């Protein structure tokens, strides 16, 4: 009989904060045994790959063969269904995210939540001057800490709201391409507090016209990203203008399960052709400057896969890499101002 233990694994960031991941090794071992798995394919985000050998040992202790993926694991959209099938795995163990796409291969999601000590709560309150109705959001790893923040703000006299996203599992949870947890309560709040780091914090700010205060527990500081968001918007507008002059387009459809938006890709191709442009469909698992550099005749790309590649990494690309919604702006079918009021990831 397995003894259920709450197992933590920790490491220190360069700024000295001790972070405790809950790897739930007892759950992993129990589920491998319960499901009768013979071969287990393990996916880990970059921050957890240091624990690959340890987790593989847990799987092997449960009587199964373990294979750890080396490929990047940016989100649950990249669930490695095809890789697991090719290797004959009968169970996928996916760390760090919640369920997002359907899979014919049984999948165990382990969230790897983090125990955080929120040390700058008073500073958050200082930054909320003029706001009484506060919206909260975070990533799945910090949901327990979000409850601590919620109670603190309530005790400090604020009204607190927590919304739900379209593709997320928990209230208050966001992922890199879904900030519905903010959008769903946008009309109820004066501002938002996002518990987490810059990447998701920037996405939060781009998803609403309301101020977003970033409460970064890793750097132990409170800040906003409105200036950075403004710089992103200026770059995006410049990309749209540059793409408008292009004649030859590549329309990228993602190969990752959660990024295979074939309907949108075909729609983009037809829209471009209706405008007198040439367009070819391209398939990509990872959209990188190196992957696109060989398509010399193509003057601009429409990205229907991960929108964050266009928003965060556009400066790395030689040619415009616009999103589908930016294509709609270029074609006069969507107002730029509406996009800037929080429409980067859909309604």
C-alpha atoms as a PDB file:
ATOM      1  CA  UNK A   1       0.000   0.000   0.000  1.00  0.00           C
ATOM      2  CA  UNK A   2       1.355   3.375  -0.984  1.00  0.00           C
ATOM      3  CA  UNK A   3       1.925   5.931   1.725  1.00  0.00           C
ATOM      4  CA  UNK A   4       0.600   9.242   0.458  1.00  0.00           C
ATOM      5  CA  UNK A   5       3.147  11.957   1.108  1.00  0.00           C
ATOM      6  CA  UNK A   6       3.139  15.618   0.173  1.00  0.00           C
ATOM      7  CA  UNK A   7       6.493  15.899  -1.558  1.00  0.00           C
ATOM      8  CA  UNK A   8       8.098  19.201  -2.400  1.00  0.00           C
ATOM      9  CA  UNK A   9      11.063  19.986  -4.604  1.00  0.00           C
ATOM     10  CA  UNK A  10      12.763  23.336  -4.283  1.00  0.00           C
ATOM     11  CA  UNK A  11      15.319  25.486  -5.992  1.00  0.00           C
ATOM     12  CA  UNK A  12      16.638  29.011  -5.575  1.00  0.00           C
ATOM     13  CA  UNK A  13      16.354  31.781  -8.125  1.00  0.00           C
ATOM     14  CA  UNK A  14      19.327  34.111  -8.515  1.00  0.00           C
ATOM     15  CA  UNK A  15      17.594  36.730  -6.416  1.00  0.00           C
ATOM     16  CA  UNK A  16      17.417  34.342  -3.484  1.00  0.00           C
ATOM     17  CA  UNK A  17      13.753  33.331  -3.329  1.00  0.00           C
ATOM     18  CA  UNK A  18      13.170  29.692  -2.448  1.00  0.00           C
ATOM     19  CA  UNK A  19      10.488  28.199  -4.684  1.00  0.00           C
ATOM     20  CA  UNK A  20       8.767  24.955  -3.714  1.00  0.00           C
ATOM     21  CA  UNK A  21       7.208  22.926  -6.531  1.00  0.00           C
ATOM     22  CA  UNK A  22       4.716  20.232  -5.644  1.00  0.00           C
ATOM     23  CA  UNK A  23       5.753  17.447  -7.992  1.00  0.00           C
ATOM     24  CA  UNK A  24       3.242  15.017  -6.427  1.00  0.00           C
ATOM     25  CA  UNK A  25       5.433  11.987  -6.903  1.00  0.00           C
ATOM     26  CA  UNK A  26       3.056   9.876  -4.844  1.00  0.00           C
ATOM     27  CA  UNK A  27       0.222  10.724  -7.257  1.00  0.00           C
ATOM     28  CA  UNK A  28       2.457   9.955 -10.231  1.00  0.00           C
ATOM     29  CA  UNK A  29       3.410   6.516  -8.923  1.00  0.00           C
ATOM     30  CA  UNK A  30      -0.142   5.693  -7.884  1.00  0.00           C
ATOM     31  CA  UNK A  31      -1.640   6.676 -11.246  1.00  0.00           C
ATOM     32  CA  UNK A  32       0.928   4.743 -13.291  1.00  0.00           C
ATOM     33  CA  UNK A  33       0.056   1.626 -11.277  1.00  0.00           C
ATOM     34  CA  UNK A  34      -3.710   2.243 -11.336  1.00  0.00           C
ATOM     35  CA  UNK A  35      -3.777   2.764 -15.103  1.00  0.00           C
ATOM     36  CA  UNK A  36      -1.558  -0.256 -15.767  1.00  0.00           C
ATOM     37  CA  UNK A  37       0.735   1.838 -17.949  1.00  0.00           C
ATOM     38  CA  UNK A  38       3.623   0.065 -19.637  1.00  0.00           C
ATOM     39  CA  UNK A  39       5.369   3.047 -21.237  1.00  0.00           C
ATOM     40  CA  UNK A  40       5.033   6.621 -19.985  1.00  0.00           C
ATOM     41  CA  UNK A  41       5.931   9.737 -21.960  1.00  0.00           C
ATOM     42  CA  UNK A  42       6.831  12.662 -19.662  1.00  0.00           C
ATOM     43  CA  UNK A  43       6.596  16.305 -20.719  1.00  0.00           C
ATOM     44  CA  UNK A  44       8.283  18.960 -18.580  1.00  0.00           C
ATOM     45  CA  UNK A  45       8.517  22.749 -18.969  1.00  0.00           C
ATOM     46  CA  UNK A  46      12.047  24.139 -18.940  1.00  0.00           C
ATOM     47  CA  UNK A  47      12.017  24.961 -15.218  1.00  0.00           C
ATOM     48  CA  UNK A  48      11.239  21.362 -14.281  1.00  0.00           C
ATOM     49  CA  UNK A  49      13.577  19.471 -16.608  1.00  0.00           C
ATOM     50  CA  UNK A  50      16.162  19.383 -13.852  1.00  0.00           C
ATOM     51  CA  UNK A  51      13.894  16.820 -12.171  1.00  0.00           C
ATOM     52  CA  UNK A  52      13.646  14.513 -15.210  1.00  0.00           C
ATOM     53  CA  UNK A  53      15.742  11.671 -13.779  1.00  0.00           C
ATOM     54  CA  UNK A  54      13.928  11.798 -10.462  1.00  0.00           C
ATOM     55  CA  UNK A  55      10.484  11.605 -12.087  1.00  0.00           C
ATOM     56  CA  UNK A  56      11.585   8.865 -14.489  1.00  0.00           C
ATOM     57  CA  UNK A  57      12.703   6.851 -11.481  1.00  0.00           C
ATOM     58  CA  UNK A  58       9.238   7.212  -9.933  1.00  0.00           C
ATOM     59  CA  UNK A  59       7.649   5.871 -13.119  1.00  0.00           C
ATOM     60  CA  UNK A  60      10.072   2.965 -13.254  1.00  0.00           C
ATOM     61  CA  UNK A  61       9.449   2.201  -9.587  1.00  0.00           C
ATOM     62  CA  UNK A  62       5.777   1.882 -10.528  1.00  0.00           C
ATOM     63  CA  UNK A  63       6.687  -0.790 -13.075  1.00  0.00           C
ATOM     64  CA  UNK A  64       6.586   1.211 -16.315  1.00  0.00           C
ATOM     65  CA  UNK A  65       9.159   2.396 -18.836  1.00  0.00           C
ATOM     66  CA  UNK A  66       9.774   6.155 -18.777  1.00  0.00           C
ATOM     67  CA  UNK A  67      10.651   8.397 -21.729  1.00  0.00           C
ATOM     68  CA  UNK A  68      11.239  12.111 -21.091  1.00  0.00           C
ATOM     69  CA  UNK A  69      10.684  14.579 -23.920  1.00  0.00           C
ATOM     70  CA  UNK A  70      13.596  16.879 -24.726  1.00  0.00           C
ATOM     71  CA  UNK A  71      11.478  19.231 -26.833  1.00  0.00           C
ATOM     72  CA  UNK A  72      10.263  22.558 -25.411  1.00  0.00           C
ATOM     73  CA  UNK A  73       7.000  22.444 -23.487  1.00  0.00           C
ATOM     74  CA  UNK A  74       5.582  25.966 -23.546  1.00  0.00           C
ATOM     75  CA  UNK A  75       2.005  25.083 -22.660  1.00  0.00           C
ATOM     76  CA  UNK A  76      -0.749  22.492 -22.712  1.00  0.00           C
ATOM     77  CA  UNK A  77      -1.332  23.453 -26.374  1.00  0.00           C
ATOM     78  CA  UNK A  78       1.835  21.454 -27.069  1.00  0.00           C
ATOM     79  CA  UNK A  79       0.617  18.171 -25.616  1.00  0.00           C
ATOM     80  CA  UNK A  80       2.874  15.606 -27.313  1.00  0.00           C
ATOM     81  CA  UNK A  81       0.180  13.259 -28.584  1.00  0.00           C
ATOM     82  CA  UNK A  82       1.910  12.444 -31.868  1.00  0.00           C
ATOM     83  CA  UNK A  83       5.276  11.832 -30.190  1.00  0.00           C
ATOM     84  CA  UNK A  84       3.761   9.582 -27.535  1.00  0.00           C
ATOM     85  CA  UNK A  85       1.874   7.606 -30.183  1.00  0.00           C
ATOM     86  CA  UNK A  86       5.011   7.203 -32.300  1.00  0.00           C
ATOM     87  CA  UNK A  87       6.906   5.802 -29.317  1.00  0.00           C
ATOM     88  CA  UNK A  88       4.124   3.444 -28.254  1.00  0.00           C
ATOM     89  CA  UNK A  89       3.406   5.219 -24.950  1.00  0.00           C
ATOM     90  CA  UNK A  90       0.116   4.410 -23.279  1.00  0.00           C
ATOM     91  CA  UNK A  91       0.217   7.328 -20.809  1.00  0.00           C
ATOM     92  CA  UNK A  92       1.343  10.939 -21.118  1.00  0.00           C
ATOM     93  CA  UNK A  93       2.382  12.765 -17.951  1.00  0.00           C
ATOM     94  CA  UNK A  94       2.246  16.495 -18.575  1.00  0.00           C
ATOM     95  CA  UNK A  95       3.684  18.800 -15.904  1.00  0.00           C
ATOM     96  CA  UNK A  96       2.979  22.459 -15.247  1.00  0.00           C
ATOM     97  CA  UNK A  97      -0.326  22.986 -17.052  1.00  0.00           C
ATOM     98  CA  UNK A  98      -3.999  22.031 -16.991  1.00  0.00           C
ATOM     99  CA  UNK A  99      -5.966  20.180 -19.656  1.00  0.00           C
ATOM    100  CA  UNK A 100      -6.497  22.135 -22.869  1.00  0.00           C
ATOM    101  CA  UNK A 101      -6.849  19.732 -25.808  1.00  0.00           C
ATOM    102  CA  UNK A 102      -8.503  16.354 -26.309  1.00  0.00           C
ATOM    103  CA  UNK A 103      -6.198  13.334 -26.490  1.00  0.00           C
ATOM    104  CA  UNK A 104      -6.857   9.731 -27.421  1.00  0.00           C
ATOM    105  CA  UNK A 105      -3.851   8.786 -25.283  1.00  0.00           C
ATOM    106  CA  UNK A 106      -4.645   8.912 -21.547  1.00  0.00           C
ATOM    107  CA  UNK A 107      -2.990  11.957 -20.002  1.00  0.00           C
ATOM    108  CA  UNK A 108      -2.151  12.794 -16.400  1.00  0.00           C
ATOM    109  CA  UNK A 109      -1.793  16.522 -15.741  1.00  0.00           C
ATOM    110  CA  UNK A 110       0.268  17.485 -12.708  1.00  0.00           C
ATOM    111  CA  UNK A 111       0.051  21.218 -12.055  1.00  0.00           C
ATOM    112  CA  UNK A 112       3.293  21.618 -10.084  1.00  0.00           C
ATOM    113  CA  UNK A 113       1.832  24.304  -7.841  1.00  0.00           C
ATOM    114  CA  UNK A 114       4.231  26.522  -5.938  1.00  0.00           C
ATOM    115  CA  UNK A 115       4.168  27.506  -2.278  1.00  0.00           C
ATOM    116  CA  UNK A 116       4.765  31.243  -2.233  1.00  0.00           C
ATOM    117  CA  UNK A 117       5.368  33.627   0.598  1.00  0.00           C
ATOM    118  CA  UNK A 118       3.757  36.927  -0.402  1.00  0.00           C
ATOM    119  CA  UNK A 119       6.055  39.500   1.152  1.00  0.00           C
ATOM    120  CA  UNK A 120       4.889  42.748  -0.469  1.00  0.00           C
ATOM    121  CA  UNK A 121       1.170  42.796   0.257  1.00  0.00           C
ATOM    122  CA  UNK A 122       1.339  46.259   1.798  1.00  0.00           C
ATOM    123  CA  UNK A 123       3.071  47.572  -1.337  1.00  0.00           C
ATOM    124  CA  UNK A 124       0.220  46.226  -3.467  1.00  0.00           C
ATOM    125  CA  UNK A 125      -2.273  48.222  -1.425  1.00  0.00           C
ATOM    126  CA  UNK A 126      -0.180  51.366  -1.872  1.00  0.00           C
ATOM    127  CA  UNK A 127      -0.330  50.932  -5.660  1.00  0.00           C
ATOM    128  CA  UNK A 128      -4.127  50.616  -5.623  1.00  0.00           C
ATOM    129  CA  UNK A 129      -4.811  54.237  -4.750  1.00  0.00           C
ATOM    130  CA  UNK A 130      -8.013  55.365  -6.458  1.00  0.00           C
ATOM    131  CA  UNK A 131      -9.209  51.779  -7.059  1.00  0.00           C
ATOM    132  CA  UNK A 132     -11.778  50.054  -4.859  1.00  0.00           C
ATOM    133  CA  UNK A 133     -12.985  47.213  -7.082  1.00  0.00           C
ATOM    134  CA  UNK A 134     -10.084  44.887  -7.815  1.00  0.00           C
ATOM    135  CA  UNK A 135      -9.895  41.976 -10.248  1.00  0.00           C
ATOM    136  CA  UNK A 136      -7.421  39.179  -9.573  1.00  0.00           C
ATOM    137  CA  UNK A 137      -5.750  36.642 -11.852  1.00  0.00           C
ATOM    138  CA  UNK A 138      -2.706  34.383 -11.934  1.00  0.00           C
ATOM    139  CA  UNK A 139      -1.271  31.203 -13.469  1.00  0.00           C
ATOM    140  CA  UNK A 140      -2.166  27.755 -12.169  1.00  0.00           C
ATOM    141  CA  UNK A 141       1.008  27.439 -10.059  1.00  0.00           C
ATOM    142  CA  UNK A 142      -0.017  30.436  -7.915  1.00  0.00           C
ATOM    143  CA  UNK A 143      -3.715  29.811  -7.364  1.00  0.00           C
ATOM    144  CA  UNK A 144      -3.240  28.988  -3.685  1.00  0.00           C
ATOM    145  CA  UNK A 145      -1.350  32.236  -3.161  1.00  0.00           C
ATOM    146  CA  UNK A 146      -4.080  34.103  -5.059  1.00  0.00           C
ATOM    147  CA  UNK A 147      -6.510  33.095  -2.332  1.00  0.00           C
ATOM    148  CA  UNK A 148      -4.163  34.585   0.259  1.00  0.00           C
ATOM    149  CA  UNK A 149      -4.060  37.804  -1.755  1.00  0.00           C
ATOM    150  CA  UNK A 150      -7.847  37.829  -2.120  1.00  0.00           C
ATOM    151  CA  UNK A 151      -8.411  37.549   1.628  1.00  0.00           C
ATOM    152  CA  UNK A 152      -5.840  40.254   2.348  1.00  0.00           C
ATOM    153  CA  UNK A 153      -7.499  42.697  -0.035  1.00  0.00           C
ATOM    154  CA  UNK A 154     -10.934  41.961   1.381  1.00  0.00           C
ATOM    155  CA  UNK A 155      -9.654  42.601   4.899  1.00  0.00           C
ATOM    156  CA  UNK A 156      -8.134  45.854   3.606  1.00  0.00           C
ATOM    157  CA  UNK A 157     -11.549  47.092   2.511  1.00  0.00           C
ATOM    158  CA  UNK A 158     -11.478  46.362  -1.230  1.00  0.00           C
ATOM    159  CA  UNK A 159     -14.129  44.650  -3.329  1.00  0.00           C
ATOM    160  CA  UNK A 160     -12.516  41.683  -5.047  1.00  0.00           C
ATOM    161  CA  UNK A 161     -13.606  39.942  -8.247  1.00  0.00           C
ATOM    162  CA  UNK A 162     -12.283  36.765  -9.841  1.00  0.00           C
ATOM    163  CA  UNK A 163     -13.408  35.745 -13.326  1.00  0.00           C
ATOM    164  CA  UNK A 164     -13.226  32.649 -15.536  1.00  0.00           C
ATOM    165  CA  UNK A 165     -11.564  32.075 -18.907  1.00  0.00           C
ATOM    166  CA  UNK A 166     -12.777  30.203 -21.980  1.00  0.00           C
ATOM    167  CA  UNK A 167     -10.155  27.468 -21.953  1.00  0.00           C
ATOM    168  CA  UNK A 168      -8.894  27.461 -18.383  1.00  0.00           C
ATOM    169  CA  UNK A 169      -9.878  25.093 -15.602  1.00  0.00           C
ATOM    170  CA  UNK A 170      -9.992  27.330 -12.520  1.00  0.00           C
ATOM    171  CA  UNK A 171     -11.464  30.746 -11.663  1.00  0.00           C
ATOM    172  CA  UNK A 172      -8.728  33.364 -11.815  1.00  0.00           C
ATOM    173  CA  UNK A 173      -6.439  31.195 -13.967  1.00  0.00           C
ATOM    174  CA  UNK A 174      -4.846  32.526 -17.146  1.00  0.00           C
ATOM    175  CA  UNK A 175      -2.649  30.944 -19.774  1.00  0.00           C
ATOM    176  CA  UNK A 176      -0.451  32.685 -22.328  1.00  0.00           C
ATOM    177  CA  UNK A 177      -3.226  32.938 -24.934  1.00  0.00           C
ATOM    178  CA  UNK A 178      -6.368  33.102 -22.749  1.00  0.00           C
ATOM    179  CA  UNK A 179      -7.001  35.991 -20.397  1.00  0.00           C
ATOM    180  CA  UNK A 180     -10.740  35.486 -20.186  1.00  0.00           C
ATOM    181  CA  UNK A 181     -10.418  35.512 -16.411  1.00  0.00           C
ATOM    182  CA  UNK A 182      -9.779  39.253 -16.786  1.00  0.00           C
ATOM    183  CA  UNK A 183     -12.101  39.922 -19.712  1.00  0.00           C
ATOM    184  CA  UNK A 184     -15.080  38.321 -17.979  1.00  0.00           C
ATOM    185  CA  UNK A 185     -14.984  40.893 -15.154  1.00  0.00           C
ATOM    186  CA  UNK A 186     -13.526  43.843 -17.055  1.00  0.00           C
ATOM    187  CA  UNK A 187     -16.691  45.934 -16.634  1.00  0.00           C
ATOM    188  CA  UNK A 188     -16.870  45.271 -12.883  1.00  0.00           C
ATOM    189  CA  UNK A 189     -13.438  46.451 -11.738  1.00  0.00           C
ATOM    190  CA  UNK A 190     -11.366  49.614 -11.544  1.00  0.00           C
ATOM    191  CA  UNK A 191      -8.091  47.765 -12.061  1.00  0.00           C
ATOM    192  CA  UNK A 192      -6.480  44.335 -11.872  1.00  0.00           C
ATOM    193  CA  UNK A 193      -3.758  42.779  -9.770  1.00  0.00           C
ATOM    194  CA  UNK A 194      -1.921  40.011 -11.581  1.00  0.00           C
ATOM    195  CA  UNK A 195       0.089  37.640  -9.395  1.00  0.00           C
ATOM    196  CA  UNK A 196       3.056  36.457 -11.433  1.00  0.00           C
ATOM    197  CA  UNK A 197       5.862  37.491 -13.738  1.00  0.00           C
ATOM    198  CA  UNK A 198       6.387  39.638 -16.801  1.00  0.00           C
ATOM    199  CA  UNK A 199       5.308  37.216 -19.563  1.00  0.00           C
ATOM    200  CA  UNK A 200       1.781  36.570 -18.317  1.00  0.00           C
ATOM    201  CA  UNK A 201       1.609  40.054 -16.810  1.00  0.00           C
ATOM    202  CA  UNK A 202       2.160  41.622 -20.235  1.00  0.00           C
ATOM    203  CA  UNK A 203      -0.535  39.401 -21.713  1.00  0.00           C
ATOM    204  CA  UNK A 204      -2.862  40.538 -18.958  1.00  0.00           C
ATOM    205  CA  UNK A 205      -2.208  44.202 -19.722  1.00  0.00           C
ATOM    206  CA  UNK A 206      -2.775  43.641 -23.449  1.00  0.00           C
ATOM    207  CA  UNK A 207      -6.096  41.949 -22.662  1.00  0.00           C
ATOM    208  CA  UNK A 208      -7.751  44.927 -21.016  1.00  0.00           C
ATOM    209  CA  UNK A 209      -7.796  48.700 -21.154  1.00  0.00           C
ATOM    210  CA  UNK A 210      -7.849  48.813 -17.348  1.00  0.00           C
ATOM    211  CA  UNK A 211      -4.613  49.296 -15.358  1.00  0.00           C
ATOM    212  CA  UNK A 212      -2.932  46.010 -14.393  1.00  0.00           C
ATOM    213  CA  UNK A 213      -0.656  45.952 -11.346  1.00  0.00           C
ATOM    214  CA  UNK A 214       1.904  43.165 -11.530  1.00  0.00           C
ATOM    215  CA  UNK A 215       2.642  41.589  -8.161  1.00  0.00           C
ATOM    216  CA  UNK A 216       5.776  39.605  -8.939  1.00  0.00           C
ATOM    217  CA  UNK A 217       6.506  37.254  -6.020  1.00  0.00           C
ATOM    218  CA  UNK A 218       9.806  36.087  -7.533  1.00  0.00           C
ATOM    219  CA  UNK A 219      11.373  39.519  -7.734  1.00  0.00           C
ATOM    220  CA  UNK A 220       9.371  40.672  -4.701  1.00  0.00           C
ATOM    221  CA  UNK A 221       8.250  43.863  -6.383  1.00  0.00           C
ATOM    222  CA  UNK A 222       5.083  45.547  -7.585  1.00  0.00           C
ATOM    223  CA  UNK A 223       5.025  47.331 -10.947  1.00  0.00           C
ATOM    224  CA  UNK A 224       2.986  47.904 -14.094  1.00  0.00           C
ATOM    225  CA  UNK A 225       3.715  47.180 -17.735  1.00  0.00           C
ATOM    226  CA  UNK A 226       1.721  49.909 -19.436  1.00  0.00           C
ATOM    227  CA  UNK A 227       4.799  51.464 -21.035  1.00  0.00           C
ATOM    228  CA  UNK A 228       5.987  48.100 -22.305  1.00  0.00           C
ATOM    229  CA  UNK A 229       2.486  47.318 -23.578  1.00  0.00           C
ATOM    230  CA  UNK A 230       2.502  50.642 -25.446  1.00  0.00           C
ATOM    231  CA  UNK A 231       5.810  49.709 -27.086  1.00  0.00           C
ATOM    232  CA  UNK A 232       4.348  46.359 -28.142  1.00  0.00           C
ATOM    233  CA  UNK A 233       1.329  48.111 -29.647  1.00  0.00           C
ATOM    234  CA  UNK A 234       3.523  50.484 -31.628  1.00  0.00           C
ATOM    235  CA  UNK A 235       5.515  47.530 -33.002  1.00  0.00           C
ATOM    236  CA  UNK A 236       2.321  45.702 -33.882  1.00  0.00           C
ATOM    237  CA  UNK A 237       0.949  48.691 -35.789  1.00  0.00           C
ATOM    238  CA  UNK A 238       4.235  49.010 -37.673  1.00  0.00           C
ATOM    239  CA  UNK A 239       4.037  45.312 -38.615  1.00  0.00           C
ATOM    240  CA  UNK A 240       0.496  45.749 -39.929  1.00  0.00           C
ATOM    241  CA  UNK A 241       1.535  48.714 -42.053  1.00  0.00           C
ATOM    242  CA  UNK A 242       4.514  46.813 -43.442  1.00  0.00           C
ATOM    243  CA  UNK A 243       2.402  43.726 -44.160  1.00  0.00           C
ATOM    244  CA  UNK A 244      -0.152  45.892 -45.966  1.00  0.00           C
ATOM    245  CA  UNK A 245       2.394  46.572 -48.715  1.00  0.00           C
ATOM    246  CA  UNK A 246       3.289  42.901 -49.180  1.00  0.00           C
ATOM    247  CA  UNK A 247       2.044  40.895 -52.158  1.00  0.00           C
ATOM    248  CA  UNK A 248       3.172  37.381 -51.190  1.00  0.00           C
ATOM    249  CA  UNK A 249       2.043  35.914 -47.847  1.00  0.00           C
ATOM    250  CA  UNK A 250       2.683  32.749 -45.923  1.00  0.00           C
ATOM    251  CA  UNK A 251      -0.198  31.693 -43.653  1.00  0.00           C
ATOM    252  CA  UNK A 252       1.088  29.567 -40.791  1.00  0.00           C
ATOM    253  CA  UNK A 253      -1.038  26.848 -39.215  1.00  0.00           C
ATOM    254  CA  UNK A 254       0.347  25.284 -36.050  1.00  0.00           C
ATOM    255  CA  UNK A 255       1.163  21.597 -35.767  1.00  0.00           C
ATOM    256  CA  UNK A 256       0.781  21.490 -31.987  1.00  0.00           C
ATOM    257  CA  UNK A 257      -2.627  20.058 -30.996  1.00  0.00           C
ATOM    258  CA  UNK A 258      -3.799  23.276 -29.346  1.00  0.00           C
ATOM    259  CA  UNK A 259      -2.590  25.460 -32.224  1.00  0.00           C
ATOM    260  CA  UNK A 260      -4.061  23.614 -35.225  1.00  0.00           C
ATOM    261  CA  UNK A 261      -6.467  26.315 -36.308  1.00  0.00           C
ATOM    262  CA  UNK A 262      -6.951  25.101 -39.857  1.00  0.00           C
ATOM    263  CA  UNK A 263     -10.301  26.848 -40.263  1.00  0.00           C
ATOM    264  CA  UNK A 264      -8.764  30.211 -39.399  1.00  0.00           C
ATOM    265  CA  UNK A 265      -5.741  29.573 -41.613  1.00  0.00           C
ATOM    266  CA  UNK A 266      -7.891  28.762 -44.650  1.00  0.00           C
ATOM    267  CA  UNK A 267     -10.055  31.798 -43.909  1.00  0.00           C
ATOM    268  CA  UNK A 268      -6.930  33.993 -43.794  1.00  0.00           C
ATOM    269  CA  UNK A 269      -5.686  32.618 -47.115  1.00  0.00           C
ATOM    270  CA  UNK A 270      -9.032  33.282 -48.815  1.00  0.00           C
ATOM    271  CA  UNK A 271      -9.196  36.789 -47.351  1.00  0.00           C
ATOM    272  CA  UNK A 272      -5.747  37.624 -48.673  1.00  0.00           C
ATOM    273  CA  UNK A 273      -6.586  36.257 -52.108  1.00  0.00           C
ATOM    274  CA  UNK A 274      -9.800  38.266 -52.140  1.00  0.00           C
ATOM    275  CA  UNK A 275      -7.630  41.348 -51.578  1.00  0.00           C
ATOM    276  CA  UNK A 276      -5.527  40.436 -54.608  1.00  0.00           C
ATOM    277  CA  UNK A 277      -2.607  38.965 -52.621  1.00  0.00           C
ATOM    278  CA  UNK A 278      -0.848  35.643 -53.132  1.00  0.00           C
ATOM    279  CA  UNK A 279      -0.910  33.264 -50.177  1.00  0.00           C
ATOM    280  CA  UNK A 280       0.425  29.802 -49.365  1.00  0.00           C
ATOM    281  CA  UNK A 281      -0.379  27.682 -46.313  1.00  0.00           C
ATOM    282  CA  UNK A 282       2.614  26.726 -44.184  1.00  0.00           C
ATOM    283  CA  UNK A 283       2.713  24.238 -41.279  1.00  0.00           C
ATOM    284  CA  UNK A 284       5.033  24.720 -38.321  1.00  0.00           C
ATOM    285  CA  UNK A 285       5.494  23.163 -34.908  1.00  0.00           C
ATOM    286  CA  UNK A 286       7.805  25.947 -33.739  1.00  0.00           C
ATOM    287  CA  UNK A 287       7.742  29.366 -35.387  1.00  0.00           C
ATOM    288  CA  UNK A 288      11.290  30.715 -35.374  1.00  0.00           C
ATOM    289  CA  UNK A 289      13.240  33.192 -37.526  1.00  0.00           C
ATOM    290  CA  UNK A 290      15.443  30.314 -38.704  1.00  0.00           C
ATOM    291  CA  UNK A 291      12.431  28.244 -39.790  1.00  0.00           C
ATOM    292  CA  UNK A 292      11.002  31.098 -41.877  1.00  0.00           C
ATOM    293  CA  UNK A 293      14.250  32.449 -43.298  1.00  0.00           C
ATOM    294  CA  UNK A 294      14.304  30.079 -46.276  1.00  0.00           C
ATOM    295  CA  UNK A 295      11.021  31.365 -47.717  1.00  0.00           C
ATOM    296  CA  UNK A 296      12.663  34.233 -49.556  1.00  0.00           C
ATOM    297  CA  UNK A 297       9.794  35.020 -51.927  1.00  0.00           C
ATOM    298  CA  UNK A 298       7.332  35.494 -49.051  1.00  0.00           C
ATOM    299  CA  UNK A 299       7.150  39.101 -47.875  1.00  0.00           C
ATOM    300  CA  UNK A 300       4.930  38.717 -44.793  1.00  0.00           C
ATOM    301  CA  UNK A 301       3.486  35.951 -42.627  1.00  0.00           C
ATOM    302  CA  UNK A 302       0.112  35.496 -40.937  1.00  0.00           C
ATOM    303  CA  UNK A 303       0.426  33.512 -37.726  1.00  0.00           C
ATOM    304  CA  UNK A 304      -2.692  31.506 -36.810  1.00  0.00           C
ATOM    305  CA  UNK A 305      -0.794  29.359 -34.283  1.00  0.00           C
ATOM    306  CA  UNK A 306       0.505  30.930 -31.049  1.00  0.00           C
ATOM    307  CA  UNK A 307      -0.251  34.690 -30.981  1.00  0.00           C
ATOM    308  CA  UNK A 308       2.430  35.278 -28.343  1.00  0.00           C
ATOM    309  CA  UNK A 309       5.150  34.585 -30.923  1.00  0.00           C
ATOM    310  CA  UNK A 310       3.989  37.641 -32.880  1.00  0.00           C
ATOM    311  CA  UNK A 311       3.436  39.801 -29.810  1.00  0.00           C
ATOM    312  CA  UNK A 312       6.613  38.980 -27.897  1.00  0.00           C
ATOM    313  CA  UNK A 313       9.168  37.974 -30.514  1.00  0.00           C
ATOM    314  CA  UNK A 314       8.354  40.114 -33.560  1.00  0.00           C
ATOM    315  CA  UNK A 315      11.614  42.052 -33.282  1.00  0.00           C
ATOM    316  CA  UNK A 316      13.510  38.811 -33.953  1.00  0.00           C
ATOM    317  CA  UNK A 317      11.842  38.235 -37.328  1.00  0.00           C
ATOM    318  CA  UNK A 318      13.128  39.750 -40.554  1.00  0.00           C
ATOM    319  CA  UNK A 319       9.634  40.070 -42.057  1.00  0.00           C
ATOM    320  CA  UNK A 320       6.220  41.018 -40.603  1.00  0.00           C
ATOM    321  CA  UNK A 321       4.586  38.220 -38.615  1.00  0.00           C
ATOM    322  CA  UNK A 322       1.030  39.360 -37.962  1.00  0.00           C
ATOM    323  CA  UNK A 323      -1.759  37.538 -36.136  1.00  0.00           C
ATOM    324  CA  UNK A 324      -5.103  36.676 -37.671  1.00  0.00           C
ATOM    325  CA  UNK A 325      -6.806  39.517 -35.832  1.00  0.00           C
ATOM    326  CA  UNK A 326      -4.148  41.909 -37.097  1.00  0.00           C
ATOM    327  CA  UNK A 327      -4.909  40.643 -40.597  1.00  0.00           C
ATOM    328  CA  UNK A 328      -8.517  41.652 -40.001  1.00  0.00           C
ATOM    329  CA  UNK A 329      -7.303  45.136 -39.080  1.00  0.00           C
ATOM    330  CA  UNK A 330      -5.175  45.243 -42.223  1.00  0.00           C
ATOM    331  CA  UNK A 331      -8.207  44.230 -44.307  1.00  0.00           C
ATOM    332  CA  UNK A 332     -10.446  46.856 -42.691  1.00  0.00           C
ATOM    333  CA  UNK A 333     -12.641  44.252 -40.964  1.00  0.00           C
ATOM    334  CA  UNK A 334     -11.626  45.094 -37.389  1.00  0.00           C
ATOM    335  CA  UNK A 335     -10.925  48.449 -35.810  1.00  0.00           C
ATOM    336  CA  UNK A 336      -7.390  48.926 -34.505  1.00  0.00           C
ATOM    337  CA  UNK A 337      -8.784  50.744 -31.466  1.00  0.00           C
ATOM    338  CA  UNK A 338     -10.937  47.734 -30.597  1.00  0.00           C
ATOM    339  CA  UNK A 339      -7.918  45.474 -30.807  1.00  0.00           C
ATOM    340  CA  UNK A 340      -6.020  47.828 -28.515  1.00  0.00           C
ATOM    341  CA  UNK A 341      -8.836  47.765 -25.967  1.00  0.00           C
ATOM    342  CA  UNK A 342      -8.064  44.164 -25.126  1.00  0.00           C
ATOM    343  CA  UNK A 343      -8.910  42.134 -28.205  1.00  0.00           C
ATOM    344  CA  UNK A 344      -5.556  40.470 -28.829  1.00  0.00           C
ATOM    345  CA  UNK A 345      -6.697  37.023 -27.747  1.00  0.00           C
ATOM    346  CA  UNK A 346     -10.318  37.122 -28.974  1.00  0.00           C
ATOM    347  CA  UNK A 347     -13.476  38.254 -27.239  1.00  0.00           C
END
